[in-house]
Amino acid sequence: MSDSRQDGDSGAGAGTGIGQILVIVGLVCVYGVGAYWVSVEVILADDQPWWLKIGLPAVVVGTTILFVTVLLQRMKAAQTDKYTDVKD
């Protein structure tokens, strides 16, 4: 496989990086707002069982913590990747 950064076309590499950042930021915003709205609606509803009022926010918070943890680990690993100079 040919990497565009090896061919001297740094514009394509920068475009890919910016695209990935925009997708991640967009997904985080949509996920965060959607999870917030659903959690608030479930918590404030009087006809929902107690286990749903506690369970849904717990799932949302747990998933958020896992996502942030994995994202930070991947960002740290990308900075210290010893295989960046390996060519196809």
Foldseek 3Di string as FASTA:
>chain_A
DDDPVVVVCVVVVVVVVVVVVVVVVVVVVVLVVVLVVVLVVQLPDPPHDPCCNPVSVVVSVVVVVVVVVVVVVVVVCVVVPPCPPPDD
